[in-house]
Each structure stands twice: as structure tokens, then as C-alpha cells.
Amino acid sequence: MLKFVHMADVHLGYRQYNSDERALDFAQAFLSAIKFAVEKKVDFVLIAGDLFHKRSDIDPLTLAQATKALEKAKKAGIPVVAVEGNHDSTYYKDTFSWLDYLARAGLIVNLKPEFDEGEMIVEDWDGEKGAYVDLDGVRIYGMKYYGSLTEKILDEYSKRIRSGDFTIFMAHVGVEGYVNMHGCISSNRLHRLKGKVDYVALGHIHKSFVEDDFIFNPGSLETCEISELEFRRGFFYVEVDEGIRYELIENKRRDFVLLEYRMEAPDYEGLRSYLEKHRRNTNPVVDLTITTDRATKGMVDEERVKKIVAEVLKPVVVRVRWNVSDGFFKPKIDFDGKESIERCVLRQILQNYDYGDIVDEILRLKSIFCRSFNVTMVDRLVEGILFENKPIEGKSRGEEQPKEEESGEEVWDWRRAYVKRGSARKRQKL
């Protein structure tokens, strides 16, 4: 009997609400899923994209969280097969992702087709690259996230699929009708794979769903947005004998508490009494909305409010929102939330083009125009985008640039060395 675990949208390294505790929650969810796979002695594990939350700027702790969990699977002799999601995929001009790094370290199989002068190449995994892998009679095909090009590439890919005893097609793509988000296609496109494929393993949508015991999407392991609180999600444990049997394992997640309180006056004890009714021993994320009028809002000490919430509910994160009932008071804007929304919108727009992730540069350009129209600064910014990603104000494509000493000391150009599969070479500083 064949047994495997199918997960997706792990989002390691996500410091939700700038909380270190939340980042640890995402890591713990991944570790728990891997431990489950080891205990069940599965034949392999599937990760259908977005293992990491950021495609760059991965800190050492996040990388350690990934490697330590994957090492447990490797030690148990369980292959981990993955594809790159939109959070994992490389920038336009880069060819080496963090999933490639994990593959070179022997911790995962990172599947994706190659392209040679526009021609798609679907070859078996050779230890470094490939679009499919054979594991004891099971053939697994993988397709990374392609955004608006998904349908076109899927049509080409499907022509190259050859069925085996049991065939899996894994991709990071959403299905229309479940959640309104970018990167979704009609499920009919995937149902056309029937006859060649036995199990379609998806990721991207953070909500679990199954269509006709053929298309499977487990959802995210942790809660990535408040809007997702009602979603069922987790990972699939699948057994294949004469048919496909599956179970959605809803792993333990951080508790979220959404509260609404009407404050007629700066009544802190009244707030405390209200919160006491919602006390729980889960160290939750607390999202408190306070409805009041303009005059009362001006007298309330928000820090004292947060302190009361912390004392009563002992949360890992406290978020206070204000709903002012008249039009004379303009509520304080949550700039972190505004910037996050702006970044998300820009990133989705850019996925339709070949510019790569230049969100930081666009926001910096906007800032220049908002402050003053400085032609010199604009020229420097544009040159940095167009010509070899030159550092702009100390940064390039959102990555910190290493400070170079004035001496002629050599530094490792490690990305180029790995991409070209040669020995590590040194780059002489000028």
C-alpha cells in the first residue's frame, strides 16, 4: 500500500504582525507535519509550493527551521518532493532559489520543467534538476508557479506527461471559485489530466478542498490572514490501495480572538470586565475593535488598553482598531497595514510582466515623487533597476548589499558559483 503526506503553503519565516512567536508557530506547524509523516512511515512527502514566506532575505533561523525538519525526513528515508510557489520562485534574472539550495543539499527534490529557446523540456530528476521523479512505481510531475502564464504552460506540460502505475501532478496554482485571488485557473484545465494523472496535488489557496477525489488542495498549515480564520486547512494523509483514501489532518494552530467593545467613556475597568469573559489559556492573537465617539477617543490611553488586554488574555500579539462613530475624528491610519496592502497589490500586478520583484524600487520611486521631483535620484533608481541590479541606496532588489572594505580582500561570489555548478570561485574587489 502506498502512503504519502501532501502539504502546501508552509510560509516558513513569516513574522506575522512583526511577532517572533508567530514565526515560531509557522515553523512548529511544519515540524509537526514532518513528524506525522515519519510516524506514519510514509513513502514520500509532497510540498506543493510556498515552503518559505519570502523568496529572498531568508534569515539563518528560517533556513535552520527548514533544514532541521527536512533532515528528520531524510534520516527516516522519506523523500520530500517540492515545487516552487510564488513566495519561493526566484526573481526574473535569478536562476537559483532557496529550494534549489535545499535540493543541492540533498534534502528535497525540486521539480520544474526547463526551457531551451522557448521549448519546454520535461526530463527526469538527475539529482540537481528535472520535471519528474520516479519513486518505487510512482511518477511525480512538478510545475512551479507561473502566474498569468499558468494555463499556457499547463497545456504544453500536459502533452509531455506519460502515465505510470500511479501518477501525481503537483503544481502551485489556485482553482477558481474557492477564494478570490490572483493565480487561479478553471478546474476544467486540471480535469483534462484524467487518464494520465491519478492525483493532482495543489497549493496556493489557503483553504482545503477536494474535487472528485482527483484535485486535492490541503490549505496552509497556519493562519496567514484574519480573513482565513474560518477555513478548514492542514495537510492530507493519503493511502492508495485499490482506490484513494485520504484524511485532512487539521494540525494545531495559534488561536485568534476577535473582539468588539463599545466604549462610552474611558472606562478601563469596564473593558477589563468584558475581556474577563473571553479569557482562555491559549496565548492567542487578539484583535480588538473599539467603537467610540470622537471625544472619548481623544481621552483614551491606547497603551493602557493594550496593557489591560495583555494582563487578562496574555496574548502573543495585541492589535487595537478604532471605529469612531462620528465624522469629526479621523482615525489613526495603520501604516504597516497600508504598506502591506500596497506591496501585495503591486506584487500581483508585476506577476503579469517579466520585471521580477521590483516592489521596493517602485515604492522608492513613489517616495521620490511625493517628496520632490529629483531627476538625479530618479535616474539613479532607474539605472539600478535596468543595469545589472546595481545597489540603490545600499539595497538591490530588497536584499542587503555586503559592505566592501577598501582593501583588496576577496569575497565569495557564491550565487554564481552554485548556478554554474562549478567550484566556488572568488571575485576580486576593485
Protein backbone atom coordinates (compact mmCIF):
# COMPACT_ATOMS: atom_id res chain seq x y z
CA MET A 1 0.00 0.00 0.00
CA LEU A 2 1.22 3.47 -0.96
CA LYS A 3 1.21 6.17 1.75
CA PHE A 4 2.15 9.83 1.48
CA VAL A 5 1.61 13.26 3.02
CA HIS A 6 0.58 16.24 0.90
CA MET A 7 1.09 19.74 2.34
CA ALA A 8 1.48 23.24 0.93
CA ASP A 9 1.79 26.91 1.91
CA VAL A 10 4.06 26.41 4.91
CA HIS A 11 5.34 30.03 4.83
CA LEU A 12 8.40 29.49 6.99
CA GLY A 13 9.86 32.78 8.21
CA TYR A 14 6.56 34.67 8.29
CA ARG A 15 6.84 37.10 11.23
CA GLN A 16 3.15 37.86 11.20
CA TYR A 17 2.37 41.19 12.90
CA ASN A 18 6.15 41.52 13.44
CA SER A 19 5.93 38.76 16.04
CA ASP A 20 8.77 36.31 16.61
CA GLU A 21 6.30 33.99 18.31
CA ARG A 22 4.19 33.84 15.17
CA ALA A 23 7.27 32.95 13.10
CA LEU A 24 7.90 30.08 15.50
CA ASP A 25 4.26 28.96 15.10
CA PHE A 26 4.76 28.52 11.35
CA ALA A 27 7.96 26.55 11.96
CA GLN A 28 6.28 24.34 14.56
CA ALA A 29 3.41 23.56 12.19
CA PHE A 30 5.90 22.37 9.56
CA LEU A 31 7.85 20.30 12.05
CA SER A 32 4.65 18.66 13.31
CA ALA A 33 3.62 17.70 9.77
CA ILE A 34 7.04 16.16 9.08
CA LYS A 35 6.93 14.26 12.40
CA PHE A 36 3.50 12.91 11.44
CA ALA A 37 4.90 11.65 8.14
CA VAL A 38 7.80 9.95 9.94
CA GLU A 39 5.50 8.30 12.48
CA LYS A 40 3.24 7.01 9.71
CA LYS A 41 6.31 5.75 7.79
CA VAL A 42 5.00 7.27 4.56
CA ASP A 43 6.69 6.60 1.22
CA PHE A 44 7.20 10.30 0.46
CA VAL A 45 6.10 13.84 1.32
CA LEU A 46 4.76 16.40 -1.16
CA ILE A 47 5.17 20.17 -0.61
CA ALA A 48 3.11 21.98 -3.25
CA GLY A 49 4.79 25.38 -3.05
CA ASP A 50 5.45 28.27 -0.65
CA LEU A 51 7.71 26.44 1.74
CA PHE A 52 9.14 29.88 2.56
CA HIS A 53 7.31 33.15 3.02
CA LYS A 54 9.98 35.28 1.31
CA ARG A 55 11.89 34.36 -1.81
CA SER A 56 14.87 36.38 -0.54
CA ASP A 57 16.09 37.82 2.75
CA ILE A 58 15.80 34.43 4.45
CA ASP A 59 17.47 34.70 7.83
CA PRO A 60 19.63 31.91 9.29
CA LEU A 61 16.92 30.87 11.77
CA THR A 62 14.36 30.32 9.00
CA LEU A 63 16.83 28.26 6.97
CA ALA A 64 17.66 26.23 10.09
CA GLN A 65 13.94 25.58 10.68
CA ALA A 66 13.62 24.19 7.17
CA THR A 67 16.77 22.08 7.23
CA LYS A 68 16.24 20.61 10.69
CA ALA A 69 12.73 19.41 9.84
CA LEU A 70 13.77 18.08 6.42
CA GLU A 71 16.71 16.26 7.98
CA LYS A 72 14.23 14.27 10.09
CA ALA A 73 12.53 13.06 6.91
CA LYS A 74 15.86 12.25 5.28
CA LYS A 75 17.05 10.31 8.33
CA ALA A 76 13.83 8.26 8.16
CA GLY A 77 14.46 7.54 4.47
CA ILE A 78 11.44 9.57 3.33
CA PRO A 79 11.94 11.61 0.13
CA VAL A 80 10.47 15.13 0.15
CA VAL A 81 9.33 16.32 -3.28
CA ALA A 82 8.54 20.02 -3.74
CA VAL A 83 7.70 22.71 -6.27
CA GLU A 84 8.27 26.45 -6.01
CA GLY A 85 5.34 28.70 -5.14
CA ASN A 86 5.04 32.42 -5.81
CA HIS A 87 6.77 33.07 -2.48
CA ASP A 88 9.62 30.67 -3.37
CA SER A 89 10.26 31.44 -7.02
CA THR A 90 13.35 33.37 -8.00
CA TYR A 91 13.40 36.92 -9.32
CA TYR A 92 13.35 37.34 -13.09
CA LYS A 93 17.12 37.48 -13.59
CA ASP A 94 18.00 34.85 -10.96
CA THR A 95 18.02 31.11 -11.60
CA PHE A 96 18.88 29.68 -8.19
CA SER A 97 16.21 29.59 -5.49
CA TRP A 98 16.32 28.53 -1.86
CA LEU A 99 14.53 25.34 -2.89
CA ASP A 100 17.37 24.72 -5.34
CA TYR A 101 19.74 25.18 -2.42
CA LEU A 102 17.85 22.58 -0.34
CA ALA A 103 17.85 20.23 -3.34
CA ARG A 104 21.64 20.56 -3.75
CA ALA A 105 21.93 19.77 -0.03
CA GLY A 106 20.07 16.51 -0.67
CA LEU A 107 17.05 17.47 1.45
CA ILE A 108 14.36 17.79 -1.23
CA VAL A 109 13.61 17.07 -4.88
CA ASN A 110 12.69 20.40 -6.50
CA LEU A 111 10.70 19.70 -9.67
CA LYS A 112 10.17 22.15 -12.53
CA PRO A 113 10.41 21.96 -16.33
CA GLU A 114 13.33 23.54 -18.18
CA PHE A 115 13.06 25.82 -21.20
CA ASP A 116 15.51 25.99 -24.10
CA GLU A 117 14.81 28.81 -26.56
CA GLY A 118 11.12 28.64 -25.65
CA GLU A 119 10.89 24.86 -25.94
CA MET A 120 9.70 23.09 -22.80
CA ILE A 121 11.89 20.22 -21.60
CA VAL A 122 10.36 17.62 -19.26
CA GLU A 123 13.10 15.29 -18.07
CA ASP A 124 13.57 13.05 -15.06
CA TRP A 125 15.30 14.23 -11.92
CA ASP A 126 19.08 13.84 -12.15
CA GLY A 127 19.92 14.94 -8.62
CA GLU A 128 20.04 18.65 -9.46
CA LYS A 129 17.20 19.36 -11.87
CA GLY A 130 14.25 17.73 -13.57
CA ALA A 131 10.50 17.92 -14.03
CA TYR A 132 9.54 14.47 -12.73
CA VAL A 133 10.85 11.78 -10.42
CA ASP A 134 10.08 8.06 -10.15
CA LEU A 135 9.74 6.62 -6.64
CA ASP A 136 9.04 2.87 -6.45
CA GLY A 137 6.48 2.79 -9.26
CA VAL A 138 5.06 6.24 -8.53
CA ARG A 139 5.80 9.02 -11.01
CA ILE A 140 5.56 12.59 -9.69
CA TYR A 141 5.49 15.56 -12.10
CA GLY A 142 6.07 19.07 -10.78
CA MET A 143 5.24 22.54 -12.06
CA LYS A 144 6.28 25.72 -10.25
CA TYR A 145 4.18 28.89 -10.05
CA TYR A 146 3.89 30.75 -13.36
CA GLY A 147 1.21 33.36 -12.60
CA SER A 148 -0.63 34.57 -15.71
CA LEU A 149 1.32 32.08 -17.88
CA THR A 150 -0.04 29.07 -15.97
CA GLU A 151 -2.71 27.98 -18.46
CA LYS A 152 -0.36 28.19 -21.45
CA ILE A 153 2.42 26.27 -19.71
CA LEU A 154 0.00 23.70 -18.30
CA ASP A 155 -1.31 22.96 -21.81
CA GLU A 156 2.23 22.37 -23.05
CA TYR A 157 3.17 20.36 -19.98
CA SER A 158 0.16 18.03 -20.24
CA LYS A 159 1.29 16.91 -23.71
CA ARG A 160 4.53 15.59 -22.20
CA ILE A 161 3.03 13.64 -19.28
CA ARG A 162 3.36 9.86 -19.50
CA SER A 163 1.25 7.88 -17.05
CA GLY A 164 2.64 5.13 -14.85
CA ASP A 165 1.25 2.73 -12.24
CA PHE A 166 0.31 5.77 -10.14
CA THR A 167 0.94 9.28 -11.41
CA ILE A 168 0.87 12.53 -9.46
CA PHE A 169 0.88 16.02 -10.92
CA MET A 170 1.92 18.67 -8.40
CA ALA A 171 1.61 22.41 -9.03
CA HIS A 172 1.34 25.69 -7.16
CA VAL A 173 -1.83 27.09 -8.68
CA GLY A 174 -5.25 28.02 -7.39
CA VAL A 175 -8.64 26.87 -8.64
CA GLU A 176 -11.29 29.47 -9.41
CA GLY A 177 -14.38 29.59 -7.23
CA TYR A 178 -12.86 28.88 -3.81
CA VAL A 179 -11.10 32.13 -2.95
CA ASN A 180 -10.91 35.34 -4.96
CA MET A 181 -7.18 35.73 -5.52
CA HIS A 182 -4.56 36.04 -8.26
CA GLY A 183 -3.04 32.91 -9.76
CA CYS A 184 -6.18 30.80 -10.24
CA ILE A 185 -7.43 28.81 -13.22
CA SER A 186 -10.57 26.86 -14.04
CA SER A 187 -10.59 23.36 -12.57
CA ASN A 188 -11.56 22.10 -16.04
CA ARG A 189 -7.97 22.68 -17.11
CA LEU A 190 -6.80 20.22 -14.47
CA HIS A 191 -9.59 17.68 -15.01
CA ARG A 192 -8.27 17.28 -18.57
CA LEU A 193 -5.33 15.43 -16.99
CA LYS A 194 -7.57 12.49 -16.12
CA GLY A 195 -6.39 9.34 -17.81
CA LYS A 196 -2.78 10.42 -17.48
CA VAL A 197 -2.79 11.50 -13.83
CA ASP A 198 -4.31 9.85 -10.76
CA TYR A 199 -3.79 12.59 -8.17
CA VAL A 200 -3.44 16.36 -8.67
CA ALA A 201 -1.60 17.90 -5.70
CA LEU A 202 -2.10 21.65 -5.45
CA GLY A 203 -1.06 24.56 -3.25
CA HIS A 204 -1.62 28.35 -3.29
CA ILE A 205 -5.14 28.63 -1.85
CA HIS A 206 -5.04 28.53 1.95
CA LYS A 207 -8.39 26.74 2.16
CA SER A 208 -8.73 22.97 1.92
CA PHE A 209 -10.83 21.44 -0.86
CA VAL A 210 -11.12 18.25 -2.91
CA GLU A 211 -12.75 17.86 -6.32
CA ASP A 212 -13.95 14.43 -7.49
CA ASP A 213 -11.24 12.65 -5.46
CA PHE A 214 -8.86 13.91 -8.14
CA ILE A 215 -7.86 17.50 -7.35
CA PHE A 216 -6.53 17.98 -3.82
CA ASN A 217 -5.64 21.25 -2.07
CA PRO A 218 -4.78 20.99 1.66
CA GLY A 219 -4.62 24.71 2.52
CA SER A 220 -1.99 26.40 4.64
CA LEU A 221 -0.59 24.89 7.83
CA GLU A 222 -1.07 28.10 9.82
CA THR A 223 -3.38 31.13 9.71
CA CYS A 224 -1.82 33.66 7.35
CA GLU A 225 -4.64 36.25 7.45
CA ILE A 226 -7.56 37.02 9.77
CA SER A 227 -9.88 36.56 6.79
CA GLU A 228 -8.86 32.89 6.72
CA LEU A 229 -9.97 32.06 10.27
CA GLU A 230 -13.00 30.03 9.19
CA PHE A 231 -11.07 27.99 6.62
CA ARG A 232 -10.53 24.30 7.17
CA ARG A 233 -6.93 23.59 6.39
CA GLY A 234 -3.98 21.36 7.27
CA PHE A 235 -2.34 18.55 5.31
CA PHE A 236 -3.58 15.40 3.62
CA TYR A 237 -2.61 11.91 4.71
CA VAL A 238 -3.22 9.70 1.68
CA GLU A 239 -3.33 5.92 1.31
CA VAL A 240 -3.55 4.26 -2.09
CA ASP A 241 -4.50 0.61 -2.44
CA GLU A 242 -7.37 -0.28 -4.74
CA GLY A 243 -8.51 3.33 -4.52
CA ILE A 244 -7.51 6.63 -2.94
CA ARG A 245 -8.30 7.14 0.74
CA TYR A 246 -7.45 10.48 2.30
CA GLU A 247 -7.82 12.37 5.54
CA LEU A 248 -7.35 16.08 6.18
CA ILE A 249 -5.19 16.40 9.28
CA GLU A 250 -6.04 19.76 10.84
CA ASN A 251 -2.87 20.43 12.76
CA LYS A 252 -2.89 22.61 15.87
CA ARG A 253 -2.79 26.33 15.10
CA ARG A 254 -2.46 29.53 17.12
CA ASP A 255 -5.79 30.71 18.49
CA PHE A 256 -7.15 34.04 17.22
CA VAL A 257 -9.60 36.08 19.31
CA LEU A 258 -11.63 38.77 17.52
CA LEU A 259 -13.40 41.11 19.94
CA GLU A 260 -15.59 44.19 19.60
CA TYR A 261 -16.16 46.56 22.51
CA ARG A 262 -18.20 49.75 22.71
CA MET A 263 -16.63 52.35 24.97
CA GLU A 264 -18.94 55.16 26.10
CA ALA A 265 -16.23 56.76 28.28
CA PRO A 266 -12.62 55.96 29.22
CA ASP A 267 -13.88 53.06 31.35
CA TYR A 268 -10.86 50.79 31.70
CA GLU A 269 -12.46 48.59 34.37
CA GLY A 270 -15.46 48.03 32.13
CA LEU A 271 -13.08 46.89 29.38
CA ARG A 272 -11.32 44.59 31.84
CA SER A 273 -14.64 43.00 32.87
CA TYR A 274 -15.54 42.47 29.21
CA LEU A 275 -12.20 40.82 28.49
CA GLU A 276 -12.52 38.54 31.53
CA LYS A 277 -15.49 36.89 29.84
CA HIS A 278 -13.22 35.90 26.94
CA ARG A 279 -10.29 34.64 28.99
CA ARG A 280 -8.64 31.48 27.67
CA ASN A 281 -5.40 29.63 28.24
CA THR A 282 -4.12 29.67 24.68
CA ASN A 283 -1.92 32.80 24.46
CA PRO A 284 -3.89 33.93 21.41
CA VAL A 285 -3.55 36.65 18.83
CA VAL A 286 -6.04 39.30 19.97
CA ASP A 287 -7.71 41.67 17.51
CA LEU A 288 -9.78 44.19 19.46
CA THR A 289 -12.06 46.74 17.77
CA ILE A 290 -13.22 49.59 20.00
CA THR A 291 -16.22 51.62 18.90
CA THR A 292 -16.46 55.07 20.46
CA ASP A 293 -17.02 58.74 19.68
CA ARG A 294 -14.51 61.43 18.84
CA ALA A 295 -14.35 62.96 22.31
CA THR A 296 -13.88 59.65 24.09
CA LYS A 297 -11.20 58.50 21.66
CA GLY A 298 -9.19 61.61 22.48
CA MET A 299 -9.18 60.72 26.19
CA VAL A 300 -8.36 57.02 25.92
CA ASP A 301 -4.79 55.86 26.51
CA GLU A 302 -4.23 53.17 23.86
CA GLU A 303 -1.13 51.82 25.58
CA ARG A 304 -3.15 51.31 28.76
CA VAL A 305 -5.77 49.46 26.72
CA LYS A 306 -3.10 47.13 25.32
CA LYS A 307 -1.69 46.59 28.81
CA ILE A 308 -5.11 45.52 30.11
CA VAL A 309 -5.54 43.11 27.19
CA ALA A 310 -2.09 41.67 27.89
CA GLU A 311 -2.84 41.20 31.60
CA VAL A 312 -6.20 39.48 31.07
CA LEU A 313 -5.74 37.41 27.88
CA LYS A 314 -1.93 37.00 27.84
CA PRO A 315 -1.72 37.15 24.04
CA VAL A 316 1.34 36.86 21.83
CA VAL A 317 0.04 39.80 19.76
CA VAL A 318 -2.41 42.61 20.58
CA ARG A 319 -3.97 44.61 17.75
CA VAL A 320 -6.28 47.51 18.62
CA ARG A 321 -8.51 49.05 15.98
CA TRP A 322 -10.67 52.16 16.42
CA ASN A 323 -14.15 52.60 15.00
CA VAL A 324 -15.04 56.25 15.58
CA SER A 325 -18.78 56.78 15.29
CA ASP A 326 -18.84 60.40 14.09
CA GLY A 327 -17.20 62.12 11.14
CA PHE A 328 -15.19 64.72 13.05
CA PHE A 329 -12.39 62.42 14.12
CA LYS A 330 -10.06 60.89 11.60
CA PRO A 331 -8.78 57.56 12.96
CA LYS A 332 -5.08 56.86 13.06
CA ILE A 333 -4.00 55.08 9.89
CA ASP A 334 -2.34 51.71 10.31
CA PHE A 335 0.65 52.46 8.09
CA ASP A 336 2.01 48.92 8.44
CA GLY A 337 -1.27 47.55 7.15
CA LYS A 338 -1.44 50.14 4.36
CA GLU A 339 2.09 49.36 3.22
CA SER A 340 1.37 45.63 3.32
CA ILE A 341 -1.72 46.07 1.13
CA GLU A 342 0.19 48.31 -1.27
CA ARG A 343 3.01 45.80 -1.58
CA CYS A 344 0.57 42.95 -2.17
CA VAL A 345 -1.27 44.83 -4.94
CA LEU A 346 1.97 45.84 -6.68
CA ARG A 347 3.38 42.31 -6.45
CA GLN A 348 0.26 40.81 -8.05
CA ILE A 349 0.39 43.35 -10.88
CA LEU A 350 4.08 42.62 -11.52
CA GLN A 351 3.38 38.89 -11.82
CA ASN A 352 1.86 39.63 -15.24
CA TYR A 353 5.17 41.02 -16.51
CA ASP A 354 8.80 39.95 -16.69
CA TYR A 355 10.26 42.68 -14.50
CA GLY A 356 10.77 40.47 -11.46
CA ASP A 357 10.01 41.62 -7.93
CA ILE A 358 10.80 45.35 -8.07
CA VAL A 359 8.20 46.40 -5.49
CA ASP A 360 10.83 48.11 -3.32
CA GLU A 361 12.06 50.14 -6.26
CA ILE A 362 8.53 51.20 -7.24
CA LEU A 363 7.73 52.32 -3.71
CA ARG A 364 11.04 54.19 -3.53
CA LEU A 365 10.25 55.90 -6.85
CA LYS A 366 6.85 56.87 -5.49
CA SER A 367 8.52 58.29 -2.39
CA ILE A 368 10.88 60.41 -4.51
CA PHE A 369 7.99 61.90 -6.48
CA CYS A 370 5.99 62.52 -3.31
CA ARG A 371 8.83 64.38 -1.60
CA SER A 372 10.11 66.33 -4.59
CA PHE A 373 10.82 65.67 -8.22
CA ASN A 374 14.55 65.00 -8.07
CA VAL A 375 15.72 63.99 -11.56
CA THR A 376 19.10 62.77 -10.33
CA MET A 377 17.57 60.43 -7.77
CA VAL A 378 15.08 59.12 -10.34
CA ASP A 379 17.89 58.44 -12.83
CA ARG A 380 19.90 56.54 -10.21
CA LEU A 381 16.90 54.47 -9.28
CA VAL A 382 16.02 53.52 -12.86
CA GLU A 383 19.65 52.70 -13.68
CA GLY A 384 19.77 50.42 -10.67
CA ILE A 385 16.75 48.50 -11.94
CA LEU A 386 17.87 48.25 -15.56
CA PHE A 387 21.61 47.73 -15.36
CA GLU A 388 22.73 44.59 -13.57
CA ASN A 389 20.70 45.33 -10.41
CA LYS A 390 23.18 47.93 -9.14
CA PRO A 391 22.76 48.78 -5.45
CA ILE A 392 20.38 51.66 -4.83
CA GLU A 393 20.82 53.49 -1.55
CA GLY A 394 22.52 50.43 -0.17
CA LYS A 395 19.98 47.92 -1.48
CA SER A 396 19.26 45.94 -4.62
CA ARG A 397 16.01 44.08 -5.19
CA GLY A 398 15.24 44.23 -1.49
CA GLU A 399 18.50 42.50 -0.48
CA GLU A 400 21.14 43.92 1.79
CA GLN A 401 24.40 44.51 -0.02
CA PRO A 402 27.60 43.38 1.72
CA LYS A 403 29.78 46.24 2.83
CA GLU A 404 33.03 46.13 0.95
CA GLU A 405 36.28 47.04 2.65
CA GLU A 406 38.70 49.36 0.94
CA SER A 407 41.35 46.64 0.89
CA GLY A 408 41.71 44.17 -1.97
CA GLU A 409 40.28 41.32 0.10
CA GLU A 410 38.47 38.69 -1.96
CA VAL A 411 34.82 37.77 -1.34
CA TRP A 412 32.89 34.69 -2.42
CA ASP A 413 30.55 35.16 -5.36
CA TRP A 414 28.61 32.13 -4.11
CA ARG A 415 25.42 32.58 -6.17
CA ARG A 416 27.27 32.48 -9.49
CA ALA A 417 29.36 29.54 -8.35
CA TYR A 418 26.30 27.44 -7.50
CA VAL A 419 24.27 28.40 -10.55
CA LYS A 420 27.06 27.35 -12.92
CA ARG A 421 27.64 24.15 -10.93
CA GLY A 422 31.35 24.83 -10.68
CA SER A 423 33.62 25.04 -7.73
CA ALA A 424 33.27 28.13 -5.56
CA ARG A 425 35.18 30.93 -7.20
CA LYS A 426 36.33 34.23 -5.76
CA ARG A 427 35.60 37.67 -7.07
CA GLN A 428 38.38 40.23 -6.72
CA LYS A 429 37.19 43.53 -5.31
CA LEU A 430 38.05 46.67 -7.20
